Structures are given as C-alpha cells and as structure tokens.
Amino acid sequence: MRILGIVALCVTLAGCGLARMQERKEQTAAAVAAKDSGIAACKAQYPDENKDFVLRNKCGFEAAQVVRPFVTYPDLFDQNWAKAALLSEQLQGRKLTRAEANAQMTELQSQITAEEQRRNLANRSVAAQETAATAALLSSGPTICNRVGNTTICN
C-alpha cells in the first residue's frame, strides 16, 4: 500500500511539472505575439521615412519588454536594447549614417549570438560533468560506514 502511495505521489508531481512546462510555453508564445504586435504598431507609427529614431527605438523597446522575463539571458537582451538606444541617438544627431548603425547592430548581434552559444556550451559541459560524477558515485557500490568509539570508517 505504501509503494502505491509513493507511485501516486510521483505521478502527481510529474503531472504538475508537465502542466507548468505547458503553461510556461503558452505564456512565452503569448508574450512573443504581444511583442510582434507591438513592434508592428511601432513600424506603422514610425515608418522608415520618419527621422525620429529615438522615439521609434523607445516604442520598439517598450513593445519588446513583454518577452524579457522569458529570455534565457536577460543581460544580453538589455545589452542589445542599450546599444540600439545609443545608435538611435547618434542617428538622430546625424553623427552616424543608417549604414553605419546597421553595421554596428549586426556586429553586436553576432557577439550576442556567440556569447549565448558560449554560455549554453558551458552549461551543457557542467551538466555532463555532474552526470558523470553521479554515475561514478552510483557505480562504486554502496558505502558502508562503521563507527568505533569516536572514529567512523567508511569504505
């Protein structure tokens, strides 16, 4: 009877985890849809011919904020928008051409992608090391400890 209760508890907990994963997936999809809708509204309000780069960038930034809680690395998200804000100010002040701004944003996107890949690889490497350590520990067999007086000997 006890084992049946434990199995039921495990199944319930697994179900909760799956339900939470599905809920998170739906929230992410809703946030992405809201961001896309907001960006489209910004493009309609500030078409390419519009020279108010700062307001256009601010509008896009506000629209994109809905996805920030769902991105893997929020610091890289912030870095991207900070650079976009800087470039929009330089564009508006005519200190930079659109081609130069596009080149700088493309370079930043490459750097951000490389950093994401580096972090993901590091995370996978750590997970693999943890799995290998756990497997080694489990394969070594049971640990038996004997206590003699104030001394404990394990092997």
Protein backbone atom coordinates (compact mmCIF):
# COMPACT_ATOMS: atom_id res chain seq x y z
CA MET A 1 0.00 0.00 0.00
CA ARG A 2 2.85 2.35 0.86
CA ILE A 3 4.54 1.80 -2.52
CA LEU A 4 1.27 2.55 -4.29
CA GLY A 5 1.07 5.87 -2.42
CA ILE A 6 4.65 6.75 -3.39
CA VAL A 7 3.96 5.92 -7.04
CA ALA A 8 0.80 8.06 -6.97
CA LEU A 9 2.75 10.96 -5.47
CA CYS A 10 5.45 10.67 -8.16
CA VAL A 11 2.86 10.62 -10.94
CA THR A 12 1.13 13.66 -9.45
CA LEU A 13 4.39 15.60 -9.20
CA ALA A 14 5.35 14.67 -12.76
CA GLY A 15 1.96 15.85 -13.95
CA CYS A 16 2.45 19.17 -12.17
CA GLY A 17 5.82 19.61 -13.83
CA LEU A 18 4.40 18.90 -17.27
CA ALA A 19 1.48 21.26 -16.67
CA ARG A 20 3.89 24.00 -15.55
CA MET A 21 6.05 23.48 -18.64
CA GLN A 22 2.99 23.75 -20.90
CA GLU A 23 1.84 26.88 -19.05
CA ARG A 24 5.28 28.48 -19.47
CA LYS A 25 5.27 27.60 -23.18
CA GLU A 26 1.86 29.24 -23.61
CA GLN A 27 2.97 32.35 -21.68
CA THR A 28 6.07 32.63 -23.85
CA ALA A 29 4.03 32.31 -27.05
CA ALA A 30 1.60 35.00 -25.83
CA ALA A 31 4.49 37.32 -24.95
CA VAL A 32 6.12 36.83 -28.36
CA ALA A 33 2.79 37.53 -30.09
CA ALA A 34 2.34 40.69 -27.99
CA LYS A 35 5.88 41.81 -28.82
CA ASP A 36 5.38 41.19 -32.55
CA SER A 37 2.10 43.11 -32.48
CA GLY A 38 3.74 45.98 -30.60
CA ILE A 39 6.68 46.13 -33.00
CA ALA A 40 4.29 46.17 -35.95
CA ALA A 41 2.40 49.06 -34.35
CA CYS A 42 5.69 50.92 -33.87
CA LYS A 43 6.61 50.40 -37.51
CA ALA A 44 3.22 51.76 -38.54
CA GLN A 45 3.55 54.75 -36.22
CA TYR A 46 7.18 55.43 -37.12
CA PRO A 47 7.79 54.31 -40.74
CA ASP A 48 11.31 54.14 -42.16
CA GLU A 49 10.92 57.62 -43.64
CA ASN A 50 10.44 59.04 -40.14
CA LYS A 51 13.63 60.58 -38.81
CA ASP A 52 12.64 60.38 -35.13
CA PHE A 53 14.92 57.44 -34.39
CA VAL A 54 14.83 57.87 -30.61
CA LEU A 55 11.04 57.66 -30.35
CA ARG A 56 10.94 54.73 -32.78
CA ASN A 57 13.53 52.86 -30.73
CA LYS A 58 11.74 53.69 -27.47
CA CYS A 59 8.49 52.35 -28.91
CA GLY A 60 10.20 49.12 -30.00
CA PHE A 61 11.91 48.75 -26.63
CA GLU A 62 8.61 49.11 -24.77
CA ALA A 63 6.98 46.57 -27.08
CA ALA A 64 9.84 44.09 -26.56
CA GLN A 65 9.78 44.30 -22.75
CA VAL A 66 6.99 41.69 -22.58
CA VAL A 67 9.43 38.95 -23.65
CA ARG A 68 12.26 39.90 -21.28
CA PRO A 69 11.05 37.56 -18.47
CA PHE A 70 11.17 34.66 -20.92
CA VAL A 71 14.60 35.16 -22.50
CA THR A 72 17.40 32.88 -21.33
CA TYR A 73 19.91 35.68 -20.79
CA PRO A 74 18.19 38.97 -19.84
CA ASP A 75 21.53 40.77 -19.60
CA LEU A 76 22.16 40.17 -23.31
CA PHE A 77 18.63 41.38 -24.09
CA ASP A 78 19.38 44.59 -22.15
CA GLN A 79 22.74 44.99 -23.86
CA ASN A 80 21.06 44.79 -27.26
CA TRP A 81 18.50 47.47 -26.45
CA ALA A 82 21.07 49.73 -24.78
CA LYS A 83 23.16 49.68 -27.95
CA ALA A 84 20.04 50.32 -30.06
CA ALA A 85 19.22 53.35 -27.89
CA LEU A 86 22.75 54.70 -28.27
CA LEU A 87 22.71 54.23 -32.03
CA SER A 88 19.28 55.84 -32.37
CA GLU A 89 20.55 58.94 -30.53
CA GLN A 90 23.59 59.07 -32.79
CA LEU A 91 21.40 58.65 -35.87
CA GLN A 92 19.07 61.41 -34.81
CA GLY A 93 22.03 63.68 -34.05
CA ARG A 94 23.42 62.85 -37.51
CA LYS A 95 26.66 61.59 -36.03
CA LEU A 96 26.12 58.26 -37.76
CA THR A 97 24.62 57.03 -41.02
CA ARG A 98 21.99 54.30 -41.20
CA ALA A 99 24.51 52.01 -42.87
CA GLU A 100 26.99 52.52 -40.04
CA ALA A 101 24.28 51.92 -37.43
CA ASN A 102 23.13 48.76 -39.21
CA ALA A 103 26.72 47.51 -39.36
CA GLN A 104 27.21 48.11 -35.63
CA MET A 105 23.93 46.37 -34.74
CA THR A 106 24.84 43.41 -36.95
CA GLU A 107 28.22 43.15 -35.23
CA LEU A 108 26.53 43.31 -31.81
CA GLN A 109 24.06 40.59 -32.83
CA SER A 110 26.99 38.36 -33.81
CA GLN A 111 28.67 39.00 -30.46
CA ILE A 112 25.45 38.28 -28.55
CA THR A 113 24.89 35.05 -30.50
CA ALA A 114 28.46 33.95 -29.79
CA GLU A 115 28.03 34.72 -26.08
CA GLU A 116 24.75 32.77 -25.94
CA GLN A 117 26.43 29.80 -27.59
CA ARG A 118 29.38 30.02 -25.19
CA ARG A 119 27.07 30.08 -22.16
CA ASN A 120 24.93 27.24 -23.47
CA LEU A 121 28.03 25.13 -24.11
CA ALA A 122 29.36 25.87 -20.63
CA ASN A 123 26.02 24.87 -19.10
CA ARG A 124 25.96 21.60 -21.07
CA SER A 125 29.54 20.88 -20.05
CA VAL A 126 28.73 21.34 -16.36
CA ALA A 127 25.62 19.16 -16.68
CA ALA A 128 27.69 16.42 -18.36
CA GLN A 129 30.29 16.57 -15.59
CA GLU A 130 27.57 16.34 -12.93
CA THR A 131 26.02 13.35 -14.69
CA ALA A 132 29.39 11.62 -14.96
CA ALA A 133 30.15 12.25 -11.29
CA THR A 134 26.76 10.88 -10.25
CA ALA A 135 27.23 7.80 -12.41
CA ALA A 136 30.69 7.20 -10.96
CA LEU A 137 29.37 7.55 -7.44
CA LEU A 138 26.49 5.15 -8.07
CA SER A 139 28.67 2.59 -9.84
CA SER A 140 31.15 2.44 -6.97
CA GLY A 141 28.63 0.46 -4.96
CA PRO A 142 27.20 1.09 -1.53
CA THR A 143 29.21 2.88 1.09
CA ILE A 144 29.40 1.11 4.41
CA CYS A 145 30.42 3.04 7.47
CA ASN A 146 31.44 1.54 10.82
CA ARG A 147 31.75 3.53 13.97
CA VAL A 148 34.29 2.52 16.57
CA GLY A 149 34.29 4.87 19.51
CA ASN A 150 34.75 8.41 18.18
CA THR A 151 36.04 7.18 14.82
CA THR A 152 33.95 6.49 11.73
CA ILE A 153 35.46 4.43 8.93
CA CYS A 154 33.69 4.32 5.55
CA ASN A 155 34.55 2.13 2.59
